């Protein structure tokens, strides 16, 4: 019995014919385009991760600024 891997299920869901070709041992003819697409997706993933980090830093900075303002207001009242 052949073990079916998660990547095979993903390939099958995306394109049943591509899954069958891969199962038969056929190699894709557009390897260069596929490699470029993979690089593009990796680059996009890195930029999304970086923007998430910057957003977290922005929220933390905002919270610190609000805390400083609240402390300053409280000290000026007392």
PDB file of N, CA and C in Angstrom:
ATOM      1  N   UNK A   1       0.843  -1.175   0.000  1.00  0.00           N
ATOM      2  CA  UNK A   1       0.000   0.000   0.000  1.00  0.00           C
ATOM      3  C   UNK A   1       0.888   1.239   0.000  1.00  0.00           C
ATOM      4  N   UNK A   2       0.641   2.141  -0.937  1.00  0.00           N
ATOM      5  CA  UNK A   2       1.443   3.356  -1.067  1.00  0.00           C
ATOM      6  C   UNK A   2       1.004   4.373  -0.030  1.00  0.00           C
ATOM      7  N   UNK A   3       1.975   5.005   0.623  1.00  0.00           N
ATOM      8  CA  UNK A   3       1.678   6.051   1.590  1.00  0.00           C
ATOM      9  C   UNK A   3       1.466   7.357   0.834  1.00  0.00           C
ATOM     10  N   UNK A   4       0.370   8.022   1.130  1.00  0.00           N
ATOM     11  CA  UNK A   4       0.067   9.311   0.504  1.00  0.00           C
ATOM     12  C   UNK A   4       0.527  10.416   1.442  1.00  0.00           C
ATOM     13  N   UNK A   5       1.363  11.310   0.934  1.00  0.00           N
ATOM     14  CA  UNK A   5       1.909  12.404   1.723  1.00  0.00           C
ATOM     15  C   UNK A   5       1.032  13.648   1.583  1.00  0.00           C
ATOM     16  N   UNK A   6       1.194  14.562   2.550  1.00  0.00           N
ATOM     17  CA  UNK A   6       0.401  15.789   2.551  1.00  0.00           C
ATOM     18  C   UNK A   6       0.651  16.613   1.290  1.00  0.00           C
ATOM     19  N   UNK A   7       1.884  16.631   0.813  1.00  0.00           N
ATOM     20  CA  UNK A   7       2.176  17.405  -0.395  1.00  0.00           C
ATOM     21  C   UNK A   7       1.442  16.830  -1.603  1.00  0.00           C
ATOM     22  N   UNK A   8       1.266  15.516  -1.624  1.00  0.00           N
ATOM     23  CA  UNK A   8       0.512  14.901  -2.726  1.00  0.00           C
ATOM     24  C   UNK A   8      -0.950  15.312  -2.671  1.00  0.00           C
ATOM     25  N   UNK A   9      -1.499  15.401  -1.477  1.00  0.00           N
ATOM     26  CA  UNK A   9      -2.896  15.819  -1.340  1.00  0.00           C
ATOM     27  C   UNK A   9      -3.049  17.254  -1.828  1.00  0.00           C
ATOM     28  N   UNK A  10      -2.089  18.123  -1.466  1.00  0.00           N
ATOM     29  CA  UNK A  10      -2.125  19.502  -1.938  1.00  0.00           C
ATOM     30  C   UNK A  10      -2.040  19.576  -3.445  1.00  0.00           C
ATOM     31  N   UNK A  11      -1.158  18.782  -4.042  1.00  0.00           N
ATOM     32  CA  UNK A  11      -1.042  18.754  -5.497  1.00  0.00           C
ATOM     33  C   UNK A  11      -2.331  18.252  -6.125  1.00  0.00           C
ATOM     34  N   UNK A  12      -2.932  17.223  -5.542  1.00  0.00           N
ATOM     35  CA  UNK A  12      -4.169  16.662  -6.072  1.00  0.00           C
ATOM     36  C   UNK A  12      -5.306  17.680  -5.992  1.00  0.00           C
ATOM     37  N   UNK A  13      -5.393  18.394  -4.855  1.00  0.00           N
ATOM     38  CA  UNK A  13      -6.455  19.388  -4.714  1.00  0.00           C
ATOM     39  C   UNK A  13      -6.279  20.523  -5.707  1.00  0.00           C
ATOM     40  N   UNK A  14      -5.024  20.909  -5.954  1.00  0.00           N
ATOM     41  CA  UNK A  14      -4.778  22.003  -6.892  1.00  0.00           C
ATOM     42  C   UNK A  14      -5.067  21.571  -8.327  1.00  0.00           C
ATOM     43  N   UNK A  15      -4.528  20.398  -8.702  1.00  0.00           N
ATOM     44  CA  UNK A  15      -4.719  19.922 -10.076  1.00  0.00           C
ATOM     45  C   UNK A  15      -4.549  18.402 -10.100  1.00  0.00           C
ATOM     46  N   UNK A  16      -5.646  17.713 -10.345  1.00  0.00           N
ATOM     47  CA  UNK A  16      -5.605  16.254 -10.350  1.00  0.00           C
ATOM     48  C   UNK A  16      -4.701  15.724 -11.459  1.00  0.00           C
ATOM     49  N   UNK A  17      -4.653  16.408 -12.575  1.00  0.00           N
ATOM     50  CA  UNK A  17      -3.820  15.961 -13.688  1.00  0.00           C
ATOM     51  C   UNK A  17      -2.336  16.112 -13.329  1.00  0.00           C
ATOM     52  N   UNK A  18      -1.979  17.223 -12.680  1.00  0.00           N
ATOM     53  CA  UNK A  18      -0.592  17.421 -12.269  1.00  0.00           C
ATOM     54  C   UNK A  18      -0.170  16.324 -11.288  1.00  0.00           C
ATOM     55  N   UNK A  19      -1.079  15.958 -10.393  1.00  0.00           N
ATOM     56  CA  UNK A  19      -0.792  14.880  -9.441  1.00  0.00           C
ATOM     57  C   UNK A  19      -0.558  13.570 -10.182  1.00  0.00           C
ATOM     58  N   UNK A  20      -1.395  13.284 -11.163  1.00  0.00           N
ATOM     59  CA  UNK A  20      -1.261  12.042 -11.909  1.00  0.00           C
ATOM     60  C   UNK A  20       0.050  12.025 -12.688  1.00  0.00           C
ATOM     61  N   UNK A  21       0.382  13.161 -13.354  1.00  0.00           N
ATOM     62  CA  UNK A  21       1.658  13.234 -14.076  1.00  0.00           C
ATOM     63  C   UNK A  21       2.835  12.986 -13.148  1.00  0.00           C
ATOM     64  N   UNK A  22       2.800  13.592 -11.982  1.00  0.00           N
ATOM     65  CA  UNK A  22       3.898  13.406 -11.025  1.00  0.00           C
ATOM     66  C   UNK A  22       3.969  11.946 -10.582  1.00  0.00           C
ATOM     67  N   UNK A  23       2.822  11.330 -10.384  1.00  0.00           N
ATOM     68  CA  UNK A  23       2.763   9.928  -9.988  1.00  0.00           C
ATOM     69  C   UNK A  23       3.355   9.026 -11.069  1.00  0.00           C
ATOM     70  N   UNK A  24       3.170   9.401 -12.342  1.00  0.00           N
ATOM     71  CA  UNK A  24       3.694   8.629 -13.461  1.00  0.00           C
ATOM     72  C   UNK A  24       5.175   8.907 -13.734  1.00  0.00           C
ATOM     73  N   UNK A  25       5.734   9.910 -13.049  1.00  0.00           N
ATOM     74  CA  UNK A  25       7.156  10.209 -13.207  1.00  0.00           C
ATOM     75  C   UNK A  25       7.468  11.301 -14.211  1.00  0.00           C
ATOM     76  N   UNK A  26       6.457  11.979 -14.715  1.00  0.00           N
ATOM     77  CA  UNK A  26       6.695  13.080 -15.650  1.00  0.00           C
ATOM     78  C   UNK A  26       7.248  14.294 -14.899  1.00  0.00           C
ATOM     79  N   UNK A  27       8.183  14.976 -15.515  1.00  0.00           N
ATOM     80  CA  UNK A  27       8.749  16.198 -14.939  1.00  0.00           C
ATOM     81  C   UNK A  27       8.111  17.406 -15.624  1.00  0.00           C
ATOM     82  N   UNK A  28       7.840  18.480 -14.872  1.00  0.00           N
ATOM     83  CA  UNK A  28       7.254  19.667 -15.498  1.00  0.00           C
ATOM     84  C   UNK A  28       8.243  20.341 -16.454  1.00  0.00           C
ATOM     85  N   UNK A  29       7.710  20.920 -17.514  1.00  0.00           N
ATOM     86  CA  UNK A  29       8.554  21.592 -18.499  1.00  0.00           C
ATOM     87  C   UNK A  29       8.884  23.024 -18.101  1.00  0.00           C
ATOM     88  N   UNK A  30       8.153  23.579 -17.175  1.00  0.00           N
ATOM     89  CA  UNK A  30       8.343  24.977 -16.789  1.00  0.00           C
ATOM     90  C   UNK A  30       9.037  25.111 -15.431  1.00  0.00           C
ATOM     91  N   UNK A  31      10.117  24.396 -15.259  1.00  0.00           N
ATOM     92  CA  UNK A  31      10.825  24.424 -13.976  1.00  0.00           C
ATOM     93  C   UNK A  31      11.366  25.805 -13.642  1.00  0.00           C
ATOM     94  N   UNK A  32      11.830  26.545 -14.661  1.00  0.00           N
ATOM     95  CA  UNK A  32      12.384  27.878 -14.417  1.00  0.00           C
ATOM     96  C   UNK A  32      11.290  28.807 -13.893  1.00  0.00           C
ATOM     97  N   UNK A  33      10.128  28.803 -14.519  1.00  0.00           N
ATOM     98  CA  UNK A  33       9.022  29.640 -14.081  1.00  0.00           C
ATOM     99  C   UNK A  33       8.567  29.244 -12.681  1.00  0.00           C
ATOM    100  N   UNK A  34       8.542  27.947 -12.407  1.00  0.00           N
ATOM    101  CA  UNK A  34       8.135  27.489 -11.084  1.00  0.00           C
ATOM    102  C   UNK A  34       9.131  27.938 -10.019  1.00  0.00           C
ATOM    103  N   UNK A  35      10.423  27.884 -10.327  1.00  0.00           N
ATOM    104  CA  UNK A  35      11.441  28.345  -9.381  1.00  0.00           C
ATOM    105  C   UNK A  35      11.315  29.848  -9.143  1.00  0.00           C
ATOM    106  N   UNK A  36      11.060  30.606 -10.208  1.00  0.00           N
ATOM    107  CA  UNK A  36      10.868  32.048 -10.061  1.00  0.00           C
ATOM    108  C   UNK A  36       9.637  32.347  -9.211  1.00  0.00           C
ATOM    109  N   UNK A  37       8.566  31.602  -9.418  1.00  0.00           N
ATOM    110  CA  UNK A  37       7.355  31.778  -8.616  1.00  0.00           C
ATOM    111  C   UNK A  37       7.595  31.450  -7.157  1.00  0.00           C
ATOM    112  N   UNK A  38       8.356  30.390  -6.918  1.00  0.00           N
ATOM    113  CA  UNK A  38       8.673  30.021  -5.535  1.00  0.00           C
ATOM    114  C   UNK A  38       9.485  31.126  -4.873  1.00  0.00           C
ATOM    115  N   UNK A  39      10.467  31.670  -5.602  1.00  0.00           N
ATOM    116  CA  UNK A  39      11.272  32.762  -5.048  1.00  0.00           C
ATOM    117  C   UNK A  39      10.412  33.984  -4.768  1.00  0.00           C
ATOM    118  N   UNK A  40       9.496  34.293  -5.676  1.00  0.00           N
ATOM    119  CA  UNK A  40       8.602  35.426  -5.484  1.00  0.00           C
ATOM    120  C   UNK A  40       7.731  35.237  -4.245  1.00  0.00           C
ATOM    121  N   UNK A  41       7.203  34.034  -4.054  1.00  0.00           N
ATOM    122  CA  UNK A  41       6.375  33.762  -2.883  1.00  0.00           C
ATOM    123  C   UNK A  41       7.194  33.841  -1.598  1.00  0.00           C
ATOM    124  N   UNK A  42       8.418  33.350  -1.621  1.00  0.00           N
ATOM    125  CA  UNK A  42       9.272  33.440  -0.432  1.00  0.00           C
ATOM    126  C   UNK A  42       9.583  34.893  -0.093  1.00  0.00           C
ATOM    127  N   UNK A  43       9.863  35.699  -1.121  1.00  0.00           N
ATOM    128  CA  UNK A  43      10.143  37.121  -0.907  1.00  0.00           C
ATOM    129  C   UNK A  43       8.909  37.814  -0.325  1.00  0.00           C
ATOM    130  N   UNK A  44       7.749  37.506  -0.869  1.00  0.00           N
ATOM    131  CA  UNK A  44       6.515  38.090  -0.357  1.00  0.00           C
ATOM    132  C   UNK A  44       6.277  37.673   1.096  1.00  0.00           C
ATOM    133  N   UNK A  45       6.534  36.419   1.401  1.00  0.00           N
ATOM    134  CA  UNK A  45       6.369  35.930   2.771  1.00  0.00           C
ATOM    135  C   UNK A  45       7.281  36.661   3.750  1.00  0.00           C
ATOM    136  N   UNK A  46       8.515  36.911   3.322  1.00  0.00           N
ATOM    137  CA  UNK A  46       9.445  37.652   4.188  1.00  0.00           C
ATOM    138  C   UNK A  46       8.952  39.078   4.412  1.00  0.00           C
ATOM    139  N   UNK A  47       8.426  39.714   3.363  1.00  0.00           N
ATOM    140  CA  UNK A  47       7.941  41.089   3.520  1.00  0.00           C
ATOM    141  C   UNK A  47       6.696  41.134   4.414  1.00  0.00           C
ATOM    142  N   UNK A  48       5.823  40.142   4.322  1.00  0.00           N
ATOM    143  CA  UNK A  48       4.648  40.082   5.195  1.00  0.00           C
ATOM    144  C   UNK A  48       5.088  39.898   6.642  1.00  0.00           C
ATOM    145  N   UNK A  49       6.069  39.032   6.871  1.00  0.00           N
ATOM    146  CA  UNK A  49       6.580  38.817   8.228  1.00  0.00           C
ATOM    147  C   UNK A  49       7.209  40.091   8.771  1.00  0.00           C
ATOM    148  N   UNK A  50       7.997  40.782   7.942  1.00  0.00           N
ATOM    149  CA  UNK A  50       8.647  42.025   8.377  1.00  0.00           C
ATOM    150  C   UNK A  50       7.598  43.081   8.704  1.00  0.00           C
ATOM    151  N   UNK A  51       6.552  43.196   7.897  1.00  0.00           N
ATOM    152  CA  UNK A  51       5.516  44.191   8.177  1.00  0.00           C
ATOM    153  C   UNK A  51       4.772  43.861   9.464  1.00  0.00           C
ATOM    154  N   UNK A  52       4.595  42.579   9.760  1.00  0.00           N
ATOM    155  CA  UNK A  52       3.963  42.177  11.018  1.00  0.00           C
ATOM    156  C   UNK A  52       4.835  42.571  12.205  1.00  0.00           C
ATOM    157  N   UNK A  53       6.138  42.400  12.069  1.00  0.00           N
ATOM    158  CA  UNK A  53       7.059  42.799  13.135  1.00  0.00           C
ATOM    159  C   UNK A  53       7.024  44.309  13.349  1.00  0.00           C
ATOM    160  N   UNK A  54       7.033  45.060  12.257  1.00  0.00           N
ATOM    161  CA  UNK A  54       6.986  46.524  12.358  1.00  0.00           C
ATOM    162  C   UNK A  54       5.668  46.962  12.984  1.00  0.00           C
ATOM    163  N   UNK A  55       4.586  46.314  12.635  1.00  0.00           N
ATOM    164  CA  UNK A  55       3.287  46.646  13.210  1.00  0.00           C
ATOM    165  C   UNK A  55       3.292  46.373  14.718  1.00  0.00           C
ATOM    166  N   UNK A  56       3.882  45.265  15.145  1.00  0.00           N
ATOM    167  CA  UNK A  56       3.986  44.959  16.574  1.00  0.00           C
ATOM    168  C   UNK A  56       4.805  46.002  17.315  1.00  0.00           C
ATOM    169  N   UNK A  57       5.909  46.429  16.713  1.00  0.00           N
ATOM    170  CA  UNK A  57       6.730  47.466  17.325  1.00  0.00           C
ATOM    171  C   UNK A  57       5.956  48.777  17.414  1.00  0.00           C
ATOM    172  N   UNK A  58       5.177  49.093  16.386  1.00  0.00           N
ATOM    173  CA  UNK A  58       4.374  50.322  16.392  1.00  0.00           C
ATOM    174  C   UNK A  58       3.331  50.277  17.510  1.00  0.00           C
ATOM    175  N   UNK A  59       2.650  49.164  17.677  1.00  0.00           N
ATOM    176  CA  UNK A  59       1.662  49.045  18.751  1.00  0.00           C
ATOM    177  C   UNK A  59       2.330  49.159  20.117  1.00  0.00           C
ATOM    178  N   UNK A  60       3.475  48.514  20.292  1.00  0.00           N
ATOM    179  CA  UNK A  60       4.191  48.604  21.568  1.00  0.00           C
ATOM    180  C   UNK A  60       4.622  50.041  21.846  1.00  0.00           C
ATOM    181  N   UNK A  61       5.112  50.736  20.832  1.00  0.00           N
ATOM    182  CA  UNK A  61       5.516  52.137  20.995  1.00  0.00           C
ATOM    183  C   UNK A  61       4.326  53.008  21.360  1.00  0.00           C
ATOM    184  N   UNK A  62       3.196  52.757  20.740  1.00  0.00           N
ATOM    185  CA  UNK A  62       1.983  53.511  21.050  1.00  0.00           C
ATOM    186  C   UNK A  62       1.564  53.290  22.500  1.00  0.00           C
ATOM    187  N   UNK A  63       1.604  52.054  22.945  1.00  0.00           N
ATOM    188  CA  UNK A  63       1.229  51.749  24.327  1.00  0.00           C
ATOM    189  C   UNK A  63       2.189  52.422  25.321  1.00  0.00           C
ATOM    190  N   UNK A  64       3.453  52.406  25.019  1.00  0.00           N
ATOM    191  CA  UNK A  64       4.438  53.057  25.899  1.00  0.00           C
ATOM    192  C   UNK A  64       4.191  54.564  25.924  1.00  0.00           C
ATOM    193  N   UNK A  65       3.919  55.165  24.764  1.00  0.00           N
ATOM    194  CA  UNK A  65       3.649  56.606  24.703  1.00  0.00           C
ATOM    195  C   UNK A  65       2.401  56.952  25.505  1.00  0.00           C
ATOM    196  N   UNK A  66       1.350  56.156  25.372  1.00  0.00           N
ATOM    197  CA  UNK A  66       0.130  56.405  26.147  1.00  0.00           C
ATOM    198  C   UNK A  66       0.383  56.260  27.638  1.00  0.00           C
ATOM    199  N   UNK A  67       1.163  55.282  28.024  1.00  0.00           N
ATOM    200  CA  UNK A  67       1.501  55.088  29.433  1.00  0.00           C
ATOM    201  C   UNK A  67       2.281  56.281  29.974  1.00  0.00           C
ATOM    202  N   UNK A  68       3.225  56.790  29.189  1.00  0.00           N
ATOM    203  CA  UNK A  68       4.001  57.964  29.616  1.00  0.00           C
ATOM    204  C   UNK A  68       3.087  59.180  29.762  1.00  0.00           C
ATOM    205  N   UNK A  69       2.155  59.372  28.847  1.00  0.00           N
ATOM    206  CA  UNK A  69       1.220  60.502  28.931  1.00  0.00           C
ATOM    207  C   UNK A  69       0.337  60.376  30.162  1.00  0.00           C
ATOM    208  N   UNK A  70      -0.170  59.170  30.428  1.00  0.00           N
ATOM    209  CA  UNK A  70      -1.015  58.956  31.600  1.00  0.00           C
ATOM    210  C   UNK A  70      -0.234  59.240  32.872  1.00  0.00           C
ATOM    211  N   UNK A  71       0.995  58.761  32.957  1.00  0.00           N
ATOM    212  CA  UNK A  71       1.835  59.015  34.137  1.00  0.00           C
ATOM    213  C   UNK A  71       2.100  60.507  34.281  1.00  0.00           C
ATOM    214  N   UNK A  72       2.366  61.200  33.173  1.00  0.00           N
ATOM    215  CA  UNK A  72       2.634  62.642  33.213  1.00  0.00           C
ATOM    216  C   UNK A  72       1.404  63.405  33.701  1.00  0.00           C
ATOM    217  N   UNK A  73       0.203  63.011  33.225  1.00  0.00           N
ATOM    218  CA  UNK A  73      -1.041  63.669  33.658  1.00  0.00           C
ATOM    219  C   UNK A  73      -1.279  63.436  35.137  1.00  0.00           C
ATOM    220  N   UNK A  74      -1.080  62.220  35.583  1.00  0.00           N
ATOM    221  CA  UNK A  74      -1.294  61.898  37.005  1.00  0.00           C
ATOM    222  C   UNK A  74      -0.329  62.682  37.887  1.00  0.00           C
ATOM    223  N   UNK A  75       0.927  62.780  37.490  1.00  0.00           N
ATOM    224  CA  UNK A  75       1.913  63.541  38.278  1.00  0.00           C
ATOM    225  C   UNK A  75       1.602  65.017  38.294  1.00  0.00           C
ATOM    226  N   UNK A  76       1.088  65.557  37.188  1.00  0.00           N
ATOM    227  CA  UNK A  76       0.780  66.983  37.149  1.00  0.00           C
ATOM    228  C   UNK A  76      -0.450  67.310  37.994  1.00  0.00           C
ATOM    229  N   UNK A  77      -1.355  66.365  38.163  1.00  0.00           N
ATOM    230  CA  UNK A  77      -2.532  66.578  39.009  1.00  0.00           C
ATOM    231  C   UNK A  77      -2.139  66.552  40.478  1.00  0.00           C
ATOM    232  N   UNK A  78      -1.246  65.662  40.844  1.00  0.00           N
ATOM    233  CA  UNK A  78      -0.860  65.532  42.257  1.00  0.00           C
ATOM    234  C   UNK A  78       0.121  66.590  42.543  1.00  0.00           C
TER     235      UNK A  78
END
